[in-house]
Amino acid sequence: MKKIALAGVIGSPVSHSKSPNIHAHWLKAAGIKGYYIPVDVLSNDLEKVLKTLPKMGFSGINVTLPHKVRVLEHSDRVSQSAQIIGAANTLTFSESGEMFADNTDGYGFMENLRQNAPDWRPGSEPVVILGAGGAARAIAWSLLTFGADNILIANRTRSRAEALRRKFGNDLHVHDWGEIDDLITEASLLVNTTSLGMHGMPPLPIKRDGLAKNAVVCDIVYAPLQTKLLRNAEKRGCICVDGLGMLLHQAVPAFESWFGVKPVVDDSTRNAALK
């Protein structure tokens, strides 16, 4: 008898995750009898849970805070992207229980960019990244891999941005947070990886008229879907890329790995995520 396909997401808290809606939509679209289950896992229980899930029939799981770094020490194999970024958001279990850790955030960012700003290519104009956390690390690495060689990064705590420059090299240039209005004037691509603009947080302190009119502006925040940064960028005539697409695209390789079908990110997928 064929087993029911199982996957899920672990974190604490995890009730806010949109991943169950996304994967349930794809399972139905593919006609696969399976389930994607959110599981709230405390840090003290992480190792025990990771050993138990494959025995319960899980093919893999997504990982959210606070476990994205610690799962690496429990993994049997780690992808290049997870090694470089220093965190994993996707685990895949083999039939023997071997655990493979991957990070698909950079992939999700680039696929979202390709889908919504297909003409953008790295050139002589700089790329500006605001923030220096895990998402910024994944995005910087993906852009460097794509050929960007002039990335300006600013973070409210400069030392964290300096840590990224030491890791990725001289193609990253660190600037003070107070310089951001000057940095964006010639940027071909602006990416906000901070929580500024999210529900309950103050907006990103950027002057609308500082944005180059032909710039691509990405905000990885997706609650709200259209942040003040994106509203201002749209009024300026910029190409706007919201954060929901990154969430959707980063889920694609995980679903394919667990269920054997590559899903499509389309309007119906976005609608499912927003339920």
C-alpha atoms as a PDB file:
ATOM      1  CA  MET A   1       0.000   0.000   0.000  1.00  0.00           C
ATOM      2  CA  LYS A   2       1.324   3.415  -0.958  1.00  0.00           C
ATOM      3  CA  LYS A   3       2.130   5.652   2.010  1.00  0.00           C
ATOM      4  CA  ILE A   4       0.427   8.998   2.486  1.00  0.00           C
ATOM      5  CA  ALA A   5       2.905  11.754   1.640  1.00  0.00           C
ATOM      6  CA  LEU A   6       3.802  13.868   4.659  1.00  0.00           C
ATOM      7  CA  ALA A   7       5.778  17.087   5.078  1.00  0.00           C
ATOM      8  CA  GLY A   8       5.515  20.132   7.304  1.00  0.00           C
ATOM      9  CA  VAL A   9       7.089  23.150   8.938  1.00  0.00           C
ATOM     10  CA  ILE A  10       8.685  23.404  12.385  1.00  0.00           C
ATOM     11  CA  GLY A  11       9.337  26.512  14.457  1.00  0.00           C
ATOM     12  CA  SER A  12       8.114  28.305  17.537  1.00  0.00           C
ATOM     13  CA  PRO A  13       5.787  30.045  17.015  1.00  0.00           C
ATOM     14  CA  VAL A  14       4.592  28.497  13.775  1.00  0.00           C
ATOM     15  CA  SER A  15       0.862  29.255  13.670  1.00  0.00           C
ATOM     16  CA  HIS A  16       1.454  32.367  11.519  1.00  0.00           C
ATOM     17  CA  SER A  17       3.120  30.408   8.708  1.00  0.00           C
ATOM     18  CA  LYS A  18       1.595  30.640   5.233  1.00  0.00           C
ATOM     19  CA  SER A  19       3.432  27.491   4.123  1.00  0.00           C
ATOM     20  CA  PRO A  20       0.575  25.074   4.970  1.00  0.00           C
ATOM     21  CA  ASN A  21      -1.782  26.971   2.631  1.00  0.00           C
ATOM     22  CA  ILE A  22       0.812  27.033  -0.154  1.00  0.00           C
ATOM     23  CA  HIS A  23       1.685  23.347  -0.004  1.00  0.00           C
ATOM     24  CA  ALA A  24      -1.928  22.233   0.465  1.00  0.00           C
ATOM     25  CA  HIS A  25      -2.794  24.134  -2.718  1.00  0.00           C
ATOM     26  CA  TRP A  26      -0.003  22.445  -4.659  1.00  0.00           C
ATOM     27  CA  LEU A  27      -0.876  18.989  -3.318  1.00  0.00           C
ATOM     28  CA  LYS A  28      -4.463  19.437  -4.491  1.00  0.00           C
ATOM     29  CA  ALA A  29      -3.374  20.834  -7.861  1.00  0.00           C
ATOM     30  CA  ALA A  30      -1.057  17.858  -8.424  1.00  0.00           C
ATOM     31  CA  GLY A  31      -3.649  15.328  -7.268  1.00  0.00           C
ATOM     32  CA  ILE A  32      -1.328  14.026  -4.551  1.00  0.00           C
ATOM     33  CA  LYS A  33      -2.810  12.406  -1.463  1.00  0.00           C
ATOM     34  CA  GLY A  34      -0.736  14.023   1.241  1.00  0.00           C
ATOM     35  CA  TYR A  35      -0.537  16.554   4.022  1.00  0.00           C
ATOM     36  CA  TYR A  36       1.663  19.472   5.062  1.00  0.00           C
ATOM     37  CA  ILE A  37       1.527  20.003   8.817  1.00  0.00           C
ATOM     38  CA  PRO A  38       2.688  22.899  11.024  1.00  0.00           C
ATOM     39  CA  VAL A  39       4.427  21.655  14.182  1.00  0.00           C
ATOM     40  CA  ASP A  40       5.364  23.959  17.066  1.00  0.00           C
ATOM     41  CA  VAL A  41       8.719  22.681  18.344  1.00  0.00           C
ATOM     42  CA  LEU A  42      10.543  24.143  21.339  1.00  0.00           C
ATOM     43  CA  SER A  43      14.327  24.437  21.179  1.00  0.00           C
ATOM     44  CA  ASN A  44      14.864  21.788  23.863  1.00  0.00           C
ATOM     45  CA  ASP A  45      12.877  19.266  21.811  1.00  0.00           C
ATOM     46  CA  LEU A  46      14.508  19.940  18.432  1.00  0.00           C
ATOM     47  CA  GLU A  47      16.930  17.009  18.280  1.00  0.00           C
ATOM     48  CA  LYS A  48      14.317  14.503  19.441  1.00  0.00           C
ATOM     49  CA  VAL A  49      11.773  15.778  16.912  1.00  0.00           C
ATOM     50  CA  LEU A  50      14.253  15.670  14.018  1.00  0.00           C
ATOM     51  CA  LYS A  51      15.005  12.017  14.792  1.00  0.00           C
ATOM     52  CA  THR A  52      11.323  11.148  15.115  1.00  0.00           C
ATOM     53  CA  LEU A  53       9.829  12.807  12.017  1.00  0.00           C
ATOM     54  CA  PRO A  54      11.379  10.411   9.440  1.00  0.00           C
ATOM     55  CA  LYS A  55      10.114   7.447  11.488  1.00  0.00           C
ATOM     56  CA  MET A  56       6.620   8.964  11.322  1.00  0.00           C
ATOM     57  CA  GLY A  57       6.743   8.991   7.517  1.00  0.00           C
ATOM     58  CA  PHE A  58       7.721  12.603   6.867  1.00  0.00           C
ATOM     59  CA  SER A  59       9.618  13.188   3.626  1.00  0.00           C
ATOM     60  CA  GLY A  60      10.890  16.533   4.865  1.00  0.00           C
ATOM     61  CA  ILE A  61      10.139  19.781   6.607  1.00  0.00           C
ATOM     62  CA  ASN A  62      10.573  23.501   6.302  1.00  0.00           C
ATOM     63  CA  VAL A  63      12.339  25.222   9.175  1.00  0.00           C
ATOM     64  CA  THR A  64      11.576  28.647  10.568  1.00  0.00           C
ATOM     65  CA  LEU A  65      12.741  30.590  13.623  1.00  0.00           C
ATOM     66  CA  PRO A  66      14.336  29.794  15.991  1.00  0.00           C
ATOM     67  CA  HIS A  67      15.734  26.579  14.482  1.00  0.00           C
ATOM     68  CA  LYS A  68      17.243  27.608  11.112  1.00  0.00           C
ATOM     69  CA  VAL A  69      20.831  27.646  12.400  1.00  0.00           C
ATOM     70  CA  ARG A  70      20.733  24.752  14.867  1.00  0.00           C
ATOM     71  CA  VAL A  71      19.347  22.221  12.377  1.00  0.00           C
ATOM     72  CA  LEU A  72      22.704  22.321  10.559  1.00  0.00           C
ATOM     73  CA  GLU A  73      24.484  20.609  13.449  1.00  0.00           C
ATOM     74  CA  HIS A  74      21.982  17.741  13.298  1.00  0.00           C
ATOM     75  CA  SER A  75      22.133  17.272   9.509  1.00  0.00           C
ATOM     76  CA  ASP A  76      24.007  14.494   7.722  1.00  0.00           C
ATOM     77  CA  ARG A  77      24.542  16.541   4.554  1.00  0.00           C
ATOM     78  CA  VAL A  78      24.433  20.295   3.993  1.00  0.00           C
ATOM     79  CA  SER A  79      24.084  22.091   0.652  1.00  0.00           C
ATOM     80  CA  GLN A  80      26.540  24.754  -0.473  1.00  0.00           C
ATOM     81  CA  SER A  81      23.927  27.486  -0.054  1.00  0.00           C
ATOM     82  CA  ALA A  82      23.093  26.421   3.513  1.00  0.00           C
ATOM     83  CA  GLN A  83      26.794  26.272   4.361  1.00  0.00           C
ATOM     84  CA  ILE A  84      27.488  29.742   2.964  1.00  0.00           C
ATOM     85  CA  ILE A  85      24.380  31.342   4.460  1.00  0.00           C
ATOM     86  CA  GLY A  86      24.858  29.537   7.766  1.00  0.00           C
ATOM     87  CA  ALA A  87      21.229  28.472   8.084  1.00  0.00           C
ATOM     88  CA  ALA A  88      18.747  26.033   6.554  1.00  0.00           C
ATOM     89  CA  ASN A  89      15.066  26.452   5.771  1.00  0.00           C
ATOM     90  CA  THR A  90      14.477  23.053   4.156  1.00  0.00           C
ATOM     91  CA  LEU A  91      15.242  19.525   5.346  1.00  0.00           C
ATOM     92  CA  THR A  92      14.737  16.401   3.258  1.00  0.00           C
ATOM     93  CA  PHE A  93      14.759  12.906   4.768  1.00  0.00           C
ATOM     94  CA  SER A  94      15.942   9.863   2.861  1.00  0.00           C
ATOM     95  CA  GLU A  95      14.281   6.475   3.321  1.00  0.00           C
ATOM     96  CA  SER A  96      17.092   5.544   5.711  1.00  0.00           C
ATOM     97  CA  GLY A  97      16.478   8.694   7.763  1.00  0.00           C
ATOM     98  CA  GLU A  98      19.500  10.636   6.508  1.00  0.00           C
ATOM     99  CA  MET A  99      18.844  14.367   6.737  1.00  0.00           C
ATOM    100  CA  PHE A 100      19.833  16.826   3.983  1.00  0.00           C
ATOM    101  CA  ALA A 101      19.786  20.532   4.860  1.00  0.00           C
ATOM    102  CA  ASP A 102      19.305  23.217   2.238  1.00  0.00           C
ATOM    103  CA  ASN A 103      18.604  26.937   2.070  1.00  0.00           C
ATOM    104  CA  THR A 104      16.289  28.020  -0.739  1.00  0.00           C
ATOM    105  CA  ASP A 105      15.840  31.680   0.267  1.00  0.00           C
ATOM    106  CA  GLY A 106      18.340  32.938  -2.330  1.00  0.00           C
ATOM    107  CA  TYR A 107      16.692  30.791  -5.004  1.00  0.00           C
ATOM    108  CA  GLY A 108      13.291  32.168  -3.991  1.00  0.00           C
ATOM    109  CA  PHE A 109      14.511  35.742  -4.197  1.00  0.00           C
ATOM    110  CA  MET A 110      16.066  35.329  -7.642  1.00  0.00           C
ATOM    111  CA  GLU A 111      13.067  33.478  -9.089  1.00  0.00           C
ATOM    112  CA  ASN A 112      10.739  36.171  -7.739  1.00  0.00           C
ATOM    113  CA  LEU A 113      12.971  38.810  -9.337  1.00  0.00           C
ATOM    114  CA  ARG A 114      13.034  36.937 -12.667  1.00  0.00           C
ATOM    115  CA  GLN A 115       9.253  36.572 -12.664  1.00  0.00           C
ATOM    116  CA  ASN A 116       8.425  40.179 -11.794  1.00  0.00           C
ATOM    117  CA  ALA A 117      11.392  42.111 -13.202  1.00  0.00           C
ATOM    118  CA  PRO A 118      12.576  39.847 -16.036  1.00  0.00           C
ATOM    119  CA  ASP A 119      14.629  42.532 -17.777  1.00  0.00           C
ATOM    120  CA  TRP A 120      16.810  43.360 -14.766  1.00  0.00           C
ATOM    121  CA  ARG A 121      20.464  42.438 -15.082  1.00  0.00           C
ATOM    122  CA  PRO A 122      23.420  43.462 -12.925  1.00  0.00           C
ATOM    123  CA  GLY A 123      25.343  46.299 -14.544  1.00  0.00           C
ATOM    124  CA  SER A 124      27.465  49.276 -13.648  1.00  0.00           C
ATOM    125  CA  GLU A 125      24.803  50.772 -11.366  1.00  0.00           C
ATOM    126  CA  PRO A 126      24.987  49.523  -7.781  1.00  0.00           C
ATOM    127  CA  VAL A 127      22.674  47.113  -6.001  1.00  0.00           C
ATOM    128  CA  VAL A 128      21.630  48.344  -2.559  1.00  0.00           C
ATOM    129  CA  ILE A 129      20.696  45.917   0.221  1.00  0.00           C
ATOM    130  CA  LEU A 130      19.224  47.253   3.452  1.00  0.00           C
ATOM    131  CA  GLY A 131      19.697  44.939   6.417  1.00  0.00           C
ATOM    132  CA  ALA A 132      22.304  42.342   7.302  1.00  0.00           C
ATOM    133  CA  GLY A 133      20.412  39.382   8.766  1.00  0.00           C
ATOM    134  CA  GLY A 134      19.894  35.883   7.379  1.00  0.00           C
ATOM    135  CA  ALA A 135      17.736  37.040   4.470  1.00  0.00           C
ATOM    136  CA  ALA A 136      20.307  39.660   3.473  1.00  0.00           C
ATOM    137  CA  ARG A 137      23.023  36.991   3.547  1.00  0.00           C
ATOM    138  CA  ALA A 138      21.002  34.699   1.261  1.00  0.00           C
ATOM    139  CA  ILE A 139      20.101  37.521  -1.122  1.00  0.00           C
ATOM    140  CA  ALA A 140      23.659  38.898  -1.290  1.00  0.00           C
ATOM    141  CA  TRP A 141      25.035  35.458  -2.085  1.00  0.00           C
ATOM    142  CA  SER A 142      22.414  34.843  -4.802  1.00  0.00           C
ATOM    143  CA  LEU A 143      23.102  38.235  -6.410  1.00  0.00           C
ATOM    144  CA  LEU A 144      26.868  37.665  -6.357  1.00  0.00           C
ATOM    145  CA  THR A 145      26.302  34.277  -7.987  1.00  0.00           C
ATOM    146  CA  PHE A 146      24.138  35.989 -10.631  1.00  0.00           C
ATOM    147  CA  GLY A 147      26.985  38.359 -11.473  1.00  0.00           C
ATOM    148  CA  ALA A 148      26.405  41.470  -9.372  1.00  0.00           C
ATOM    149  CA  ASP A 149      29.787  42.893  -8.410  1.00  0.00           C
ATOM    150  CA  ASN A 150      28.882  46.239  -6.868  1.00  0.00           C
ATOM    151  CA  ILE A 151      26.635  45.661  -3.860  1.00  0.00           C
ATOM    152  CA  LEU A 152      26.183  48.417  -1.287  1.00  0.00           C
ATOM    153  CA  ILE A 153      24.910  47.241   2.074  1.00  0.00           C
ATOM    154  CA  ALA A 154      23.708  49.283   5.033  1.00  0.00           C
ATOM    155  CA  ASN A 155      22.437  48.075   8.386  1.00  0.00           C
ATOM    156  CA  ARG A 156      21.373  49.867  11.539  1.00  0.00           C
ATOM    157  CA  THR A 157      24.165  47.977  13.339  1.00  0.00           C
ATOM    158  CA  ARG A 158      27.153  48.490  11.039  1.00  0.00           C
ATOM    159  CA  SER A 159      29.179  45.620  12.525  1.00  0.00           C
ATOM    160  CA  ARG A 160      26.696  43.062  11.153  1.00  0.00           C
ATOM    161  CA  ALA A 161      27.100  44.471   7.651  1.00  0.00           C
ATOM    162  CA  GLU A 162      30.884  44.361   8.098  1.00  0.00           C
ATOM    163  CA  ALA A 163      30.563  40.656   8.955  1.00  0.00           C
ATOM    164  CA  LEU A 164      28.856  40.047   5.597  1.00  0.00           C
ATOM    165  CA  ARG A 165      31.600  41.908   3.750  1.00  0.00           C
ATOM    166  CA  ARG A 166      34.258  39.778   5.430  1.00  0.00           C
ATOM    167  CA  LYS A 167      32.386  36.641   4.389  1.00  0.00           C
ATOM    168  CA  PHE A 168      31.619  37.587   0.784  1.00  0.00           C
ATOM    169  CA  GLY A 169      34.543  39.827  -0.126  1.00  0.00           C
ATOM    170  CA  ASN A 170      35.207  43.161  -1.741  1.00  0.00           C
ATOM    171  CA  ASP A 171      32.207  43.106  -4.087  1.00  0.00           C
ATOM    172  CA  LEU A 172      30.232  44.162  -0.996  1.00  0.00           C
ATOM    173  CA  HIS A 173      30.701  47.733   0.216  1.00  0.00           C
ATOM    174  CA  VAL A 174      29.477  48.702   3.682  1.00  0.00           C
ATOM    175  CA  HIS A 175      27.861  52.072   4.357  1.00  0.00           C
ATOM    176  CA  ASP A 176      26.365  53.731   7.399  1.00  0.00           C
ATOM    177  CA  TRP A 177      22.590  53.568   7.861  1.00  0.00           C
ATOM    178  CA  GLY A 178      22.393  57.343   7.665  1.00  0.00           C
ATOM    179  CA  GLU A 179      23.669  57.237   4.077  1.00  0.00           C
ATOM    180  CA  ILE A 180      20.781  55.297   2.577  1.00  0.00           C
ATOM    181  CA  ASP A 181      19.130  58.270   0.856  1.00  0.00           C
ATOM    182  CA  ASP A 182      22.390  58.919  -0.987  1.00  0.00           C
ATOM    183  CA  LEU A 183      22.920  55.238  -1.816  1.00  0.00           C
ATOM    184  CA  ILE A 184      19.583  54.734  -3.575  1.00  0.00           C
ATOM    185  CA  THR A 185      19.885  57.605  -6.049  1.00  0.00           C
ATOM    186  CA  GLU A 186      21.766  55.522  -8.628  1.00  0.00           C
ATOM    187  CA  ALA A 187      20.759  52.009  -7.576  1.00  0.00           C
ATOM    188  CA  SER A 188      19.436  49.729 -10.295  1.00  0.00           C
ATOM    189  CA  LEU A 189      18.054  47.419  -7.600  1.00  0.00           C
ATOM    190  CA  LEU A 190      17.013  48.225  -4.029  1.00  0.00           C
ATOM    191  CA  VAL A 191      16.217  45.376  -1.637  1.00  0.00           C
ATOM    192  CA  ASN A 192      14.775  45.882   1.833  1.00  0.00           C
ATOM    193  CA  THR A 193      15.520  42.847   4.013  1.00  0.00           C
ATOM    194  CA  THR A 194      14.723  44.578   7.312  1.00  0.00           C
ATOM    195  CA  SER A 195      11.476  44.322   9.269  1.00  0.00           C
ATOM    196  CA  LEU A 196      10.823  48.058   8.780  1.00  0.00           C
ATOM    197  CA  GLY A 197       7.485  48.505   7.034  1.00  0.00           C
ATOM    198  CA  MET A 198       6.018  45.305   8.497  1.00  0.00           C
ATOM    199  CA  HIS A 199       2.733  45.494  10.433  1.00  0.00           C
ATOM    200  CA  GLY A 200       3.511  47.010  13.831  1.00  0.00           C
ATOM    201  CA  MET A 201       6.888  48.405  12.739  1.00  0.00           C
ATOM    202  CA  PRO A 202       7.812  51.931  11.622  1.00  0.00           C
ATOM    203  CA  PRO A 203       8.238  52.484   7.870  1.00  0.00           C
ATOM    204  CA  LEU A 204      11.596  52.455   6.157  1.00  0.00           C
ATOM    205  CA  PRO A 205      12.979  56.029   6.340  1.00  0.00           C
ATOM    206  CA  ILE A 206      13.575  56.655   2.631  1.00  0.00           C
ATOM    207  CA  LYS A 207      12.740  59.750   0.597  1.00  0.00           C
ATOM    208  CA  ARG A 208      10.512  58.864  -2.360  1.00  0.00           C
ATOM    209  CA  ASP A 209      12.191  61.301  -4.733  1.00  0.00           C
ATOM    210  CA  GLY A 210      15.569  59.736  -4.032  1.00  0.00           C
ATOM    211  CA  LEU A 211      14.684  56.547  -5.891  1.00  0.00           C
ATOM    212  CA  ALA A 212      15.910  56.274  -9.464  1.00  0.00           C
ATOM    213  CA  LYS A 213      12.839  56.166 -11.730  1.00  0.00           C
ATOM    214  CA  ASN A 214      14.034  53.078 -13.595  1.00  0.00           C
ATOM    215  CA  ALA A 215      15.001  51.156 -10.449  1.00  0.00           C
ATOM    216  CA  VAL A 216      13.662  47.782  -9.383  1.00  0.00           C
ATOM    217  CA  VAL A 217      12.518  47.930  -5.760  1.00  0.00           C
ATOM    218  CA  CYS A 218      12.048  44.723  -3.749  1.00  0.00           C
ATOM    219  CA  ASP A 219      10.684  44.431  -0.233  1.00  0.00           C
ATOM    220  CA  ILE A 220      10.800  40.992   1.372  1.00  0.00           C
ATOM    221  CA  VAL A 221       8.092  42.072   3.845  1.00  0.00           C
ATOM    222  CA  TYR A 222       4.710  40.598   2.836  1.00  0.00           C
ATOM    223  CA  ALA A 223       2.536  41.728   5.754  1.00  0.00           C
ATOM    224  CA  PRO A 224       1.363  44.152   4.465  1.00  0.00           C
ATOM    225  CA  LEU A 225       1.721  43.021   0.887  1.00  0.00           C
ATOM    226  CA  GLN A 226       2.326  46.576  -0.316  1.00  0.00           C
ATOM    227  CA  THR A 227       4.575  48.407   2.131  1.00  0.00           C
ATOM    228  CA  LYS A 228       5.035  52.152   2.199  1.00  0.00           C
ATOM    229  CA  LEU A 229       8.353  51.629   0.389  1.00  0.00           C
ATOM    230  CA  LEU A 230       6.588  49.863  -2.489  1.00  0.00           C
ATOM    231  CA  ARG A 231       3.764  52.405  -2.606  1.00  0.00           C
ATOM    232  CA  ASN A 232       6.264  55.238  -2.864  1.00  0.00           C
ATOM    233  CA  ALA A 233       8.340  53.347  -5.427  1.00  0.00           C
ATOM    234  CA  GLU A 234       5.247  52.756  -7.559  1.00  0.00           C
ATOM    235  CA  LYS A 235       4.421  56.480  -7.485  1.00  0.00           C
ATOM    236  CA  ARG A 236       8.003  57.155  -8.533  1.00  0.00           C
ATOM    237  CA  GLY A 237       7.582  54.863 -11.555  1.00  0.00           C
ATOM    238  CA  CYS A 238       9.795  52.060 -10.301  1.00  0.00           C
ATOM    239  CA  ILE A 239       9.286  48.360 -10.949  1.00  0.00           C
ATOM    240  CA  CYS A 240       8.001  46.907  -7.673  1.00  0.00           C
ATOM    241  CA  VAL A 241       8.502  43.343  -6.430  1.00  0.00           C
ATOM    242  CA  ASP A 242       6.695  42.338  -3.232  1.00  0.00           C
ATOM    243  CA  GLY A 243       7.875  39.812  -0.669  1.00  0.00           C
ATOM    244  CA  LEU A 244       5.163  37.202  -1.148  1.00  0.00           C
ATOM    245  CA  GLY A 245       6.746  35.964  -4.372  1.00  0.00           C
ATOM    246  CA  MET A 246      10.002  35.154  -2.587  1.00  0.00           C
ATOM    247  CA  LEU A 247       8.077  33.081  -0.033  1.00  0.00           C
ATOM    248  CA  LEU A 248       6.283  31.199  -2.814  1.00  0.00           C
ATOM    249  CA  HIS A 249       9.344  30.538  -4.949  1.00  0.00           C
ATOM    250  CA  GLN A 250      11.522  29.360  -2.053  1.00  0.00           C
ATOM    251  CA  ALA A 251       8.925  26.659  -1.431  1.00  0.00           C
ATOM    252  CA  VAL A 252       9.176  25.211  -4.959  1.00  0.00           C
ATOM    253  CA  PRO A 253      12.386  23.127  -4.594  1.00  0.00           C
ATOM    254  CA  ALA A 254      11.195  21.777  -1.246  1.00  0.00           C
ATOM    255  CA  PHE A 255       7.870  20.578  -2.655  1.00  0.00           C
ATOM    256  CA  GLU A 256       9.617  19.012  -5.640  1.00  0.00           C
ATOM    257  CA  SER A 257      12.092  17.212  -3.392  1.00  0.00           C
ATOM    258  CA  TRP A 258       9.424  15.816  -1.083  1.00  0.00           C
ATOM    259  CA  PHE A 259       6.571  15.054  -3.475  1.00  0.00           C
ATOM    260  CA  GLY A 260       8.320  14.527  -6.835  1.00  0.00           C
ATOM    261  CA  VAL A 261       6.444  17.251  -8.726  1.00  0.00           C
ATOM    262  CA  LYS A 262       7.688  20.776  -9.501  1.00  0.00           C
ATOM    263  CA  PRO A 263       4.836  23.177  -8.699  1.00  0.00           C
ATOM    264  CA  VAL A 264       4.018  26.403 -10.534  1.00  0.00           C
ATOM    265  CA  VAL A 265       3.920  29.810  -8.862  1.00  0.00           C
ATOM    266  CA  ASP A 266       0.916  31.599 -10.359  1.00  0.00           C
ATOM    267  CA  ASP A 267      -2.009  33.767  -9.322  1.00  0.00           C
ATOM    268  CA  SER A 268      -3.841  30.821  -7.790  1.00  0.00           C
ATOM    269  CA  THR A 269      -0.799  30.084  -5.618  1.00  0.00           C
ATOM    270  CA  ARG A 270      -0.699  33.693  -4.428  1.00  0.00           C
ATOM    271  CA  ASN A 271      -4.405  33.590  -3.648  1.00  0.00           C
ATOM    272  CA  ALA A 272      -3.959  30.379  -1.653  1.00  0.00           C
ATOM    273  CA  ALA A 273      -1.152  31.941   0.392  1.00  0.00           C
ATOM    274  CA  LEU A 274      -3.284  34.992   1.182  1.00  0.00           C
ATOM    275  CA  LYS A 275      -6.251  33.046   2.559  1.00  0.00           C
END
